[in-house]
Amino acid sequence: MSKISIKPTNDFCPQTLFLYGTYDDEGRADFGLFCWLSYIWDGELGVMACIGGEKLTKENIHKRKVFSACLVTESLLPLADYFGNTDGHNPEKMNVDLAIEKGQVLPVPVLADSPVAFELEVKQFIPLEDGEVMLCRIRNVLQDDLLVRKDMGSPEKLNAIAPVRTTCNRYFSWQGADLGAWGEPGLKK
């Protein structure tokens, strides 16, 4: 297989989607859709997350230094896409039917329907030209009880929760099925 040089892109490198949850100054929950999340090791397992541009989510994280990262599944995709394509400063953004719980360790909103949610505390902000990397400590992981069952293997569990990935400006199921272009699933909201 031969290769050619192209302009920088992350196409064909699927990334898992997360809804980052924060509270605003009035204590209202806000969620934004992000995929630039990976794991780090610094004496313990941690998370590195990046947010580009100016967003309410990033403003709230700076103020409180905590947020949740809730795994996006196929059933959550229309909501996640809507959150990812609606400005957090829009006062109507969060006027959707949504089950929100409070974090068990940190003061963060958690989506009840997400099978995996991290409660994250920012240890360090690393500013970039038009974005910011946040190195975070995982203070708690909330998982559906299905995911700790001993009678199921990891492939069965992943198939059951059906996480969504993104690449090439499209969403894909865990099994690789095309779930639509960015901005399409959210039209259902």
N, C-alpha and C. Protein backbone atom coordinates (compact mmCIF):
# COMPACT_ATOMS: atom_id res chain seq x y z
N MET A 1 0.85 -1.17 0.00
CA MET A 1 0.00 0.00 0.00
C MET A 1 0.89 1.24 0.00
N SER A 2 0.67 2.12 -0.95
CA SER A 2 1.46 3.35 -1.00
C SER A 2 0.70 4.47 -0.33
N LYS A 3 1.44 5.46 0.11
CA LYS A 3 0.85 6.59 0.82
C LYS A 3 1.20 7.88 0.10
N ILE A 4 0.31 8.88 0.24
CA ILE A 4 0.56 10.20 -0.33
C ILE A 4 0.45 11.22 0.79
N SER A 5 1.10 12.35 0.63
CA SER A 5 1.02 13.44 1.61
C SER A 5 -0.23 14.25 1.34
N ILE A 6 -0.92 14.62 2.44
CA ILE A 6 -2.11 15.47 2.34
C ILE A 6 -2.03 16.54 3.41
N LYS A 7 -2.96 17.51 3.37
CA LYS A 7 -2.99 18.53 4.42
C LYS A 7 -3.38 17.86 5.74
N PRO A 8 -3.02 18.44 6.89
CA PRO A 8 -3.32 17.82 8.18
C PRO A 8 -4.82 17.55 8.36
N THR A 9 -5.14 16.36 8.82
CA THR A 9 -6.51 15.94 9.07
C THR A 9 -6.51 14.80 10.07
N ASN A 10 -7.63 14.59 10.73
CA ASN A 10 -7.75 13.41 11.58
C ASN A 10 -8.80 12.45 11.00
N ASP A 11 -9.13 12.64 9.72
CA ASP A 11 -10.04 11.70 9.06
C ASP A 11 -9.48 10.28 9.18
N PHE A 12 -10.36 9.34 9.31
CA PHE A 12 -10.05 7.91 9.40
C PHE A 12 -9.34 7.54 10.69
N CYS A 13 -9.47 8.39 11.69
CA CYS A 13 -8.99 8.12 13.04
C CYS A 13 -10.19 8.32 13.97
N PRO A 14 -11.11 7.34 14.03
CA PRO A 14 -12.34 7.52 14.80
C PRO A 14 -12.08 7.88 16.26
N GLN A 15 -12.91 8.79 16.76
CA GLN A 15 -12.81 9.23 18.14
C GLN A 15 -14.15 9.03 18.83
N THR A 16 -14.10 8.66 20.10
CA THR A 16 -15.30 8.47 20.89
C THR A 16 -15.86 9.82 21.30
N LEU A 17 -17.17 9.91 21.36
CA LEU A 17 -17.84 11.17 21.71
C LEU A 17 -18.23 11.21 23.18
N PHE A 18 -18.11 12.41 23.77
CA PHE A 18 -18.51 12.65 25.15
C PHE A 18 -19.28 13.96 25.23
N LEU A 19 -20.27 14.00 26.10
CA LEU A 19 -20.95 15.24 26.45
C LEU A 19 -20.33 15.73 27.75
N TYR A 20 -19.69 16.91 27.70
CA TYR A 20 -19.11 17.50 28.90
C TYR A 20 -20.19 18.27 29.62
N GLY A 21 -20.36 17.99 30.90
CA GLY A 21 -21.39 18.65 31.69
C GLY A 21 -20.79 19.62 32.69
N THR A 22 -21.37 20.83 32.75
CA THR A 22 -20.94 21.85 33.71
C THR A 22 -22.19 22.53 34.27
N TYR A 23 -21.98 23.27 35.34
CA TYR A 23 -23.03 24.15 35.86
C TYR A 23 -22.63 25.58 35.58
N ASP A 24 -23.63 26.43 35.26
CA ASP A 24 -23.35 27.85 35.06
C ASP A 24 -23.45 28.59 36.39
N ASP A 25 -23.35 29.90 36.34
CA ASP A 25 -23.36 30.72 37.56
C ASP A 25 -24.66 30.63 38.34
N GLU A 26 -25.76 30.30 37.66
CA GLU A 26 -27.06 30.17 38.33
C GLU A 26 -27.35 28.72 38.73
N GLY A 27 -26.39 27.82 38.54
CA GLY A 27 -26.58 26.42 38.92
C GLY A 27 -27.34 25.59 37.90
N ARG A 28 -27.49 26.12 36.68
CA ARG A 28 -28.15 25.37 35.61
C ARG A 28 -27.13 24.50 34.90
N ALA A 29 -27.55 23.29 34.54
CA ALA A 29 -26.67 22.38 33.82
C ALA A 29 -26.53 22.81 32.36
N ASP A 30 -25.36 22.61 31.82
CA ASP A 30 -25.09 22.84 30.41
C ASP A 30 -24.24 21.68 29.92
N PHE A 31 -24.50 21.21 28.70
CA PHE A 31 -23.71 20.13 28.11
C PHE A 31 -23.22 20.55 26.74
N GLY A 32 -21.97 20.20 26.44
CA GLY A 32 -21.39 20.44 25.13
C GLY A 32 -20.82 19.13 24.60
N LEU A 33 -20.81 18.97 23.29
CA LEU A 33 -20.33 17.74 22.65
C LEU A 33 -18.87 17.88 22.24
N PHE A 34 -18.05 16.91 22.65
CA PHE A 34 -16.62 16.94 22.35
C PHE A 34 -16.10 15.53 22.08
N CYS A 35 -15.05 15.44 21.29
CA CYS A 35 -14.42 14.15 21.03
C CYS A 35 -12.92 14.16 21.30
N TRP A 36 -12.34 15.28 21.63
CA TRP A 36 -10.91 15.35 21.89
C TRP A 36 -10.64 15.00 23.34
N LEU A 37 -10.78 13.74 23.66
CA LEU A 37 -10.56 13.22 25.01
C LEU A 37 -9.74 11.95 24.89
N SER A 38 -8.72 11.86 25.71
CA SER A 38 -7.92 10.65 25.78
C SER A 38 -7.41 10.50 27.20
N TYR A 39 -6.59 9.52 27.42
CA TYR A 39 -6.17 9.18 28.77
C TYR A 39 -4.69 9.46 28.96
N ILE A 40 -4.32 9.78 30.19
CA ILE A 40 -2.94 10.06 30.55
C ILE A 40 -2.60 9.28 31.81
N TRP A 41 -1.33 9.16 32.07
CA TRP A 41 -0.86 8.56 33.31
C TRP A 41 0.06 9.57 34.00
N ASP A 42 -0.26 9.90 35.25
CA ASP A 42 0.57 10.79 36.05
C ASP A 42 0.47 10.32 37.50
N GLY A 43 0.96 9.11 37.74
CA GLY A 43 0.85 8.51 39.06
C GLY A 43 -0.50 7.84 39.26
N GLU A 44 -1.46 8.20 38.42
CA GLU A 44 -2.80 7.60 38.41
C GLU A 44 -3.39 7.85 37.03
N LEU A 45 -4.42 7.07 36.69
CA LEU A 45 -5.09 7.27 35.42
C LEU A 45 -5.78 8.62 35.43
N GLY A 46 -5.59 9.38 34.38
CA GLY A 46 -6.23 10.67 34.24
C GLY A 46 -6.77 10.85 32.84
N VAL A 47 -7.29 12.04 32.57
CA VAL A 47 -7.87 12.37 31.28
C VAL A 47 -7.24 13.66 30.78
N MET A 48 -6.99 13.71 29.47
CA MET A 48 -6.66 14.98 28.84
C MET A 48 -7.78 15.29 27.87
N ALA A 49 -8.26 16.51 27.95
CA ALA A 49 -9.37 16.95 27.11
C ALA A 49 -8.99 18.27 26.48
N CYS A 50 -9.48 18.50 25.27
CA CYS A 50 -9.18 19.75 24.57
C CYS A 50 -10.49 20.36 24.10
N ILE A 51 -10.60 21.66 24.27
CA ILE A 51 -11.73 22.41 23.74
C ILE A 51 -11.18 23.55 22.91
N GLY A 52 -11.59 23.60 21.65
CA GLY A 52 -11.17 24.67 20.76
C GLY A 52 -12.17 25.80 20.76
N GLY A 53 -11.70 27.00 20.56
CA GLY A 53 -12.58 28.16 20.46
C GLY A 53 -13.20 28.56 21.78
N GLU A 54 -14.09 29.54 21.70
CA GLU A 54 -14.78 30.05 22.89
C GLU A 54 -16.12 29.33 23.02
N LYS A 55 -16.35 28.75 24.18
CA LYS A 55 -17.58 28.02 24.43
C LYS A 55 -17.99 28.21 25.89
N LEU A 56 -19.29 28.17 26.14
CA LEU A 56 -19.79 28.27 27.50
C LEU A 56 -19.23 27.13 28.35
N THR A 57 -19.13 25.95 27.77
CA THR A 57 -18.57 24.81 28.51
C THR A 57 -17.19 25.14 29.05
N LYS A 58 -16.35 25.71 28.19
CA LYS A 58 -14.98 26.05 28.61
C LYS A 58 -15.00 27.15 29.67
N GLU A 59 -15.87 28.14 29.53
CA GLU A 59 -15.98 29.20 30.53
C GLU A 59 -16.35 28.60 31.89
N ASN A 60 -17.34 27.70 31.90
CA ASN A 60 -17.77 27.07 33.15
C ASN A 60 -16.68 26.20 33.77
N ILE A 61 -15.94 25.49 32.94
CA ILE A 61 -14.84 24.66 33.47
C ILE A 61 -13.79 25.54 34.11
N HIS A 62 -13.47 26.68 33.49
CA HIS A 62 -12.48 27.58 34.08
C HIS A 62 -12.93 28.10 35.43
N LYS A 63 -14.20 28.40 35.56
CA LYS A 63 -14.70 28.95 36.83
C LYS A 63 -14.70 27.91 37.95
N ARG A 64 -15.03 26.68 37.63
CA ARG A 64 -15.22 25.67 38.68
C ARG A 64 -14.14 24.59 38.72
N LYS A 65 -13.41 24.45 37.63
CA LYS A 65 -12.32 23.47 37.51
C LYS A 65 -12.80 22.02 37.67
N VAL A 66 -14.08 21.78 37.40
CA VAL A 66 -14.64 20.43 37.40
C VAL A 66 -15.65 20.32 36.27
N PHE A 67 -15.82 19.10 35.74
CA PHE A 67 -16.85 18.82 34.75
C PHE A 67 -17.04 17.31 34.64
N SER A 68 -18.14 16.93 34.04
CA SER A 68 -18.36 15.51 33.77
C SER A 68 -18.10 15.25 32.30
N ALA A 69 -17.76 14.02 31.98
CA ALA A 69 -17.62 13.57 30.60
C ALA A 69 -18.48 12.32 30.48
N CYS A 70 -19.63 12.46 29.81
CA CYS A 70 -20.62 11.39 29.70
C CYS A 70 -20.53 10.76 28.32
N LEU A 71 -20.33 9.45 28.27
CA LEU A 71 -20.20 8.72 27.02
C LEU A 71 -21.47 8.86 26.19
N VAL A 72 -21.31 9.16 24.89
CA VAL A 72 -22.44 9.27 23.98
C VAL A 72 -22.70 7.90 23.36
N THR A 73 -23.96 7.48 23.42
CA THR A 73 -24.40 6.22 22.83
C THR A 73 -25.33 6.52 21.66
N GLU A 74 -25.68 5.48 20.92
CA GLU A 74 -26.58 5.67 19.78
C GLU A 74 -27.90 6.31 20.22
N SER A 75 -28.42 5.90 21.38
CA SER A 75 -29.69 6.47 21.83
C SER A 75 -29.54 7.94 22.24
N LEU A 76 -28.36 8.36 22.65
CA LEU A 76 -28.11 9.75 23.03
C LEU A 76 -27.67 10.63 21.86
N LEU A 77 -27.39 10.04 20.70
CA LEU A 77 -26.80 10.80 19.60
C LEU A 77 -27.64 12.00 19.15
N PRO A 78 -28.95 11.89 18.96
CA PRO A 78 -29.69 13.10 18.55
C PRO A 78 -29.52 14.25 19.54
N LEU A 79 -29.58 13.96 20.81
CA LEU A 79 -29.38 14.98 21.84
C LEU A 79 -27.95 15.52 21.80
N ALA A 80 -26.98 14.63 21.70
CA ALA A 80 -25.58 15.05 21.66
C ALA A 80 -25.30 15.93 20.46
N ASP A 81 -25.81 15.55 19.29
CA ASP A 81 -25.60 16.35 18.09
C ASP A 81 -26.26 17.72 18.23
N TYR A 82 -27.44 17.75 18.81
CA TYR A 82 -28.12 19.02 19.08
C TYR A 82 -27.24 19.90 19.99
N PHE A 83 -26.72 19.33 21.10
CA PHE A 83 -25.88 20.10 22.00
C PHE A 83 -24.61 20.56 21.30
N GLY A 84 -24.06 19.74 20.41
CA GLY A 84 -22.84 20.10 19.70
C GLY A 84 -23.03 21.17 18.65
N ASN A 85 -24.27 21.38 18.23
CA ASN A 85 -24.55 22.36 17.18
C ASN A 85 -25.39 23.54 17.66
N THR A 86 -25.54 23.67 18.98
CA THR A 86 -26.30 24.77 19.55
C THR A 86 -25.40 25.53 20.52
N ASP A 87 -25.28 26.82 20.33
CA ASP A 87 -24.43 27.66 21.17
C ASP A 87 -24.90 27.61 22.62
N GLY A 88 -23.97 27.38 23.53
CA GLY A 88 -24.29 27.32 24.95
C GLY A 88 -24.81 28.63 25.51
N HIS A 89 -24.55 29.74 24.85
CA HIS A 89 -25.05 31.04 25.31
C HIS A 89 -26.51 31.26 24.91
N ASN A 90 -27.06 30.38 24.07
CA ASN A 90 -28.47 30.45 23.68
C ASN A 90 -29.31 30.03 24.89
N PRO A 91 -30.15 30.92 25.43
CA PRO A 91 -30.90 30.60 26.65
C PRO A 91 -31.89 29.44 26.46
N GLU A 92 -32.22 29.10 25.23
CA GLU A 92 -33.17 28.01 24.97
C GLU A 92 -32.48 26.65 24.82
N LYS A 93 -31.15 26.63 24.76
CA LYS A 93 -30.42 25.40 24.46
C LYS A 93 -30.82 24.23 25.37
N MET A 94 -30.91 24.46 26.65
CA MET A 94 -31.15 23.36 27.59
C MET A 94 -32.64 23.09 27.84
N ASN A 95 -33.52 23.70 27.05
CA ASN A 95 -34.96 23.44 27.17
C ASN A 95 -35.32 22.17 26.42
N VAL A 96 -34.74 21.06 26.84
CA VAL A 96 -35.02 19.75 26.25
C VAL A 96 -35.32 18.77 27.37
N ASP A 97 -36.03 17.70 27.01
CA ASP A 97 -36.34 16.66 27.98
C ASP A 97 -35.06 15.89 28.28
N LEU A 98 -34.60 15.96 29.51
CA LEU A 98 -33.29 15.43 29.85
C LEU A 98 -33.25 15.02 31.32
N ALA A 99 -32.82 13.79 31.58
CA ALA A 99 -32.67 13.31 32.96
C ALA A 99 -31.24 13.58 33.41
N ILE A 100 -31.10 14.50 34.37
CA ILE A 100 -29.79 14.88 34.88
C ILE A 100 -29.69 14.49 36.35
N GLU A 101 -28.55 13.88 36.69
CA GLU A 101 -28.25 13.55 38.08
C GLU A 101 -27.05 14.39 38.50
N LYS A 102 -26.83 14.47 39.79
CA LYS A 102 -25.62 15.16 40.29
C LYS A 102 -24.51 14.13 40.44
N GLY A 103 -23.28 14.56 40.20
CA GLY A 103 -22.15 13.68 40.42
C GLY A 103 -22.14 13.20 41.86
N GLN A 104 -21.55 12.04 42.08
CA GLN A 104 -21.51 11.49 43.43
C GLN A 104 -20.31 11.97 44.23
N VAL A 105 -19.29 12.51 43.55
CA VAL A 105 -18.09 13.00 44.24
C VAL A 105 -17.88 14.50 44.00
N LEU A 106 -18.10 14.95 42.77
CA LEU A 106 -17.89 16.36 42.41
C LEU A 106 -19.22 17.03 42.07
N PRO A 107 -19.28 18.35 42.21
CA PRO A 107 -20.50 19.10 41.85
C PRO A 107 -20.61 19.29 40.34
N VAL A 108 -20.97 18.21 39.64
CA VAL A 108 -21.09 18.23 38.18
C VAL A 108 -22.41 17.57 37.78
N PRO A 109 -23.01 18.03 36.67
CA PRO A 109 -24.20 17.35 36.17
C PRO A 109 -23.79 16.11 35.37
N VAL A 110 -24.59 15.06 35.52
CA VAL A 110 -24.32 13.79 34.83
C VAL A 110 -25.60 13.37 34.11
N LEU A 111 -25.46 12.94 32.88
CA LEU A 111 -26.62 12.44 32.14
C LEU A 111 -27.00 11.06 32.64
N ALA A 112 -28.22 10.92 33.11
CA ALA A 112 -28.69 9.65 33.66
C ALA A 112 -28.65 8.53 32.62
N ASP A 113 -28.85 8.86 31.35
CA ASP A 113 -28.91 7.84 30.30
C ASP A 113 -27.55 7.46 29.73
N SER A 114 -26.49 8.09 30.15
CA SER A 114 -25.15 7.72 29.68
C SER A 114 -24.64 6.56 30.52
N PRO A 115 -24.17 5.47 29.89
CA PRO A 115 -23.74 4.30 30.66
C PRO A 115 -22.40 4.48 31.37
N VAL A 116 -21.62 5.48 30.97
CA VAL A 116 -20.32 5.75 31.60
C VAL A 116 -20.16 7.26 31.73
N ALA A 117 -19.84 7.71 32.93
CA ALA A 117 -19.60 9.13 33.14
C ALA A 117 -18.41 9.31 34.06
N PHE A 118 -17.50 10.17 33.65
CA PHE A 118 -16.35 10.53 34.47
C PHE A 118 -16.66 11.83 35.20
N GLU A 119 -16.30 11.90 36.47
CA GLU A 119 -16.32 13.15 37.21
C GLU A 119 -14.87 13.62 37.24
N LEU A 120 -14.60 14.75 36.58
CA LEU A 120 -13.23 15.19 36.35
C LEU A 120 -12.91 16.50 37.05
N GLU A 121 -11.70 16.56 37.59
CA GLU A 121 -11.18 17.76 38.23
C GLU A 121 -9.95 18.20 37.45
N VAL A 122 -9.94 19.45 36.98
CA VAL A 122 -8.83 19.93 36.18
C VAL A 122 -7.62 20.17 37.08
N LYS A 123 -6.53 19.53 36.72
CA LYS A 123 -5.26 19.70 37.43
C LYS A 123 -4.43 20.82 36.80
N GLN A 124 -4.51 20.92 35.47
CA GLN A 124 -3.69 21.91 34.77
C GLN A 124 -4.35 22.30 33.46
N PHE A 125 -4.34 23.61 33.16
CA PHE A 125 -4.79 24.14 31.88
C PHE A 125 -3.55 24.43 31.04
N ILE A 126 -3.55 24.02 29.80
CA ILE A 126 -2.46 24.31 28.88
C ILE A 126 -3.05 25.10 27.71
N PRO A 127 -2.86 26.44 27.72
CA PRO A 127 -3.44 27.26 26.65
C PRO A 127 -2.74 27.02 25.32
N LEU A 128 -3.52 27.05 24.25
CA LEU A 128 -3.03 26.95 22.89
C LEU A 128 -3.47 28.21 22.15
N GLU A 129 -3.17 28.31 20.85
CA GLU A 129 -3.55 29.50 20.09
C GLU A 129 -5.06 29.69 20.04
N ASP A 130 -5.81 28.63 19.73
CA ASP A 130 -7.27 28.74 19.62
C ASP A 130 -7.96 27.59 20.34
N GLY A 131 -7.34 27.11 21.38
CA GLY A 131 -7.91 26.02 22.15
C GLY A 131 -7.19 25.89 23.46
N GLU A 132 -7.52 24.83 24.15
CA GLU A 132 -6.91 24.62 25.45
C GLU A 132 -6.97 23.14 25.80
N VAL A 133 -5.86 22.62 26.28
CA VAL A 133 -5.81 21.25 26.78
C VAL A 133 -5.96 21.31 28.29
N MET A 134 -6.77 20.41 28.81
CA MET A 134 -6.96 20.32 30.25
C MET A 134 -6.50 18.94 30.71
N LEU A 135 -5.57 18.91 31.64
CA LEU A 135 -5.15 17.66 32.25
C LEU A 135 -5.99 17.47 33.50
N CYS A 136 -6.66 16.34 33.59
CA CYS A 136 -7.68 16.14 34.62
C CYS A 136 -7.44 14.88 35.44
N ARG A 137 -7.81 14.98 36.70
CA ARG A 137 -7.84 13.83 37.59
C ARG A 137 -9.25 13.23 37.51
N ILE A 138 -9.31 11.92 37.43
CA ILE A 138 -10.60 11.23 37.46
C ILE A 138 -10.94 11.05 38.93
N ARG A 139 -11.97 11.74 39.38
CA ARG A 139 -12.36 11.65 40.80
C ARG A 139 -13.42 10.60 41.03
N ASN A 140 -14.13 10.21 39.98
CA ASN A 140 -15.13 9.15 40.11
C ASN A 140 -15.53 8.70 38.72
N VAL A 141 -15.88 7.42 38.60
CA VAL A 141 -16.44 6.88 37.38
C VAL A 141 -17.78 6.25 37.73
N LEU A 142 -18.80 6.71 37.05
CA LEU A 142 -20.14 6.15 37.23
C LEU A 142 -20.42 5.24 36.04
N GLN A 143 -20.75 3.98 36.31
CA GLN A 143 -21.03 3.03 35.24
C GLN A 143 -22.34 2.30 35.53
N ASP A 144 -23.07 2.01 34.45
CA ASP A 144 -24.24 1.16 34.58
C ASP A 144 -23.81 -0.19 35.13
N ASP A 145 -24.66 -0.78 35.95
CA ASP A 145 -24.30 -2.06 36.56
C ASP A 145 -24.08 -3.16 35.52
N LEU A 146 -24.66 -3.03 34.34
CA LEU A 146 -24.43 -3.98 33.25
C LEU A 146 -22.93 -4.13 32.97
N LEU A 147 -22.18 -3.03 33.10
CA LEU A 147 -20.78 -3.02 32.72
C LEU A 147 -19.85 -3.69 33.74
N VAL A 148 -20.37 -4.05 34.89
CA VAL A 148 -19.54 -4.75 35.88
C VAL A 148 -19.96 -6.21 36.04
N ARG A 149 -20.90 -6.63 35.21
CA ARG A 149 -21.34 -8.03 35.27
C ARG A 149 -20.21 -8.95 34.86
N LYS A 150 -20.10 -10.06 35.54
CA LYS A 150 -19.04 -11.04 35.25
C LYS A 150 -19.46 -12.04 34.17
N ASP A 151 -20.76 -12.16 33.89
CA ASP A 151 -21.25 -13.16 32.94
C ASP A 151 -21.24 -12.66 31.50
N MET A 152 -20.74 -11.45 31.27
CA MET A 152 -20.64 -10.89 29.92
C MET A 152 -19.21 -10.45 29.66
N GLY A 153 -18.75 -10.64 28.43
CA GLY A 153 -17.43 -10.19 28.04
C GLY A 153 -17.47 -8.75 27.55
N SER A 154 -16.31 -8.15 27.37
CA SER A 154 -16.23 -6.77 26.91
C SER A 154 -16.92 -6.54 25.57
N PRO A 155 -16.76 -7.44 24.58
CA PRO A 155 -17.47 -7.19 23.31
C PRO A 155 -18.99 -7.14 23.49
N GLU A 156 -19.54 -8.00 24.31
CA GLU A 156 -20.99 -7.99 24.56
C GLU A 156 -21.41 -6.69 25.25
N LYS A 157 -20.62 -6.26 26.19
CA LYS A 157 -20.94 -5.03 26.91
C LYS A 157 -20.89 -3.82 25.98
N LEU A 158 -19.87 -3.75 25.14
CA LEU A 158 -19.77 -2.63 24.19
C LEU A 158 -20.94 -2.65 23.21
N ASN A 159 -21.31 -3.83 22.75
CA ASN A 159 -22.47 -3.92 21.85
C ASN A 159 -23.74 -3.49 22.55
N ALA A 160 -23.87 -3.80 23.83
CA ALA A 160 -25.08 -3.44 24.59
C ALA A 160 -25.20 -1.94 24.81
N ILE A 161 -24.09 -1.25 25.07
CA ILE A 161 -24.19 0.19 25.33
C ILE A 161 -24.09 1.02 24.05
N ALA A 162 -23.52 0.46 23.00
CA ALA A 162 -23.47 1.08 21.66
C ALA A 162 -22.89 2.49 21.65
N PRO A 163 -21.60 2.67 22.05
CA PRO A 163 -21.00 4.00 21.98
C PRO A 163 -20.88 4.48 20.53
N VAL A 164 -20.86 5.79 20.37
CA VAL A 164 -20.78 6.41 19.04
C VAL A 164 -19.38 6.97 18.84
N ARG A 165 -18.91 6.86 17.61
CA ARG A 165 -17.61 7.44 17.23
C ARG A 165 -17.82 8.43 16.10
N THR A 166 -16.81 9.26 15.88
CA THR A 166 -16.90 10.23 14.80
C THR A 166 -15.59 10.29 14.04
N THR A 167 -15.72 10.50 12.74
CA THR A 167 -14.60 10.80 11.86
C THR A 167 -15.18 11.26 10.52
N CYS A 168 -14.41 12.00 9.76
CA CYS A 168 -14.84 12.48 8.44
C CYS A 168 -16.14 13.27 8.51
N ASN A 169 -16.37 14.02 9.60
CA ASN A 169 -17.58 14.84 9.79
C ASN A 169 -18.85 14.01 9.80
N ARG A 170 -18.74 12.74 10.24
CA ARG A 170 -19.89 11.84 10.31
C ARG A 170 -19.85 11.09 11.63
N TYR A 171 -21.00 10.54 11.99
CA TYR A 171 -21.11 9.70 13.19
C TYR A 171 -21.22 8.24 12.75
N PHE A 172 -20.61 7.36 13.56
CA PHE A 172 -20.64 5.93 13.27
C PHE A 172 -20.96 5.14 14.52
N SER A 173 -21.68 4.04 14.34
CA SER A 173 -21.98 3.15 15.45
C SER A 173 -20.73 2.38 15.83
N TRP A 174 -20.80 1.69 16.97
CA TRP A 174 -19.68 0.85 17.40
C TRP A 174 -19.39 -0.22 16.35
N GLN A 175 -20.43 -0.67 15.65
CA GLN A 175 -20.27 -1.71 14.64
C GLN A 175 -19.86 -1.14 13.27
N GLY A 176 -19.78 0.19 13.16
CA GLY A 176 -19.34 0.82 11.92
C GLY A 176 -20.45 1.34 11.02
N ALA A 177 -21.71 1.22 11.43
CA ALA A 177 -22.81 1.73 10.61
C ALA A 177 -22.79 3.26 10.60
N ASP A 178 -23.09 3.86 9.46
CA ASP A 178 -23.14 5.30 9.31
C ASP A 178 -24.41 5.82 9.99
N LEU A 179 -24.25 6.76 10.94
CA LEU A 179 -25.38 7.31 11.68
C LEU A 179 -25.73 8.74 11.25
N GLY A 180 -25.07 9.23 10.20
CA GLY A 180 -25.39 10.54 9.67
C GLY A 180 -24.25 11.53 9.81
N ALA A 181 -24.39 12.63 9.10
CA ALA A 181 -23.39 13.72 9.12
C ALA A 181 -23.61 14.58 10.35
N TRP A 182 -22.56 15.28 10.75
CA TRP A 182 -22.69 16.24 11.85
C TRP A 182 -23.84 17.18 11.52
N GLY A 183 -24.69 17.41 12.50
CA GLY A 183 -25.83 18.32 12.32
C GLY A 183 -27.11 17.63 11.91
N GLU A 184 -27.06 16.40 11.42
CA GLU A 184 -28.29 15.69 11.00
C GLU A 184 -29.06 15.08 12.17
N PRO A 185 -28.44 14.26 13.02
CA PRO A 185 -29.23 13.63 14.10
C PRO A 185 -29.90 14.63 15.02
N GLY A 186 -29.29 15.77 15.25
CA GLY A 186 -29.83 16.79 16.15
C GLY A 186 -31.09 17.45 15.63
N LEU A 187 -31.36 17.33 14.32
CA LEU A 187 -32.57 17.91 13.77
C LEU A 187 -33.81 17.27 14.36
N LYS A 188 -33.68 16.07 14.92
CA LYS A 188 -34.80 15.36 15.55
C LYS A 188 -35.18 16.04 16.86
N LYS A 189 -34.30 16.87 17.44
CA LYS A 189 -34.58 17.57 18.70
C LYS A 189 -35.25 18.88 18.39
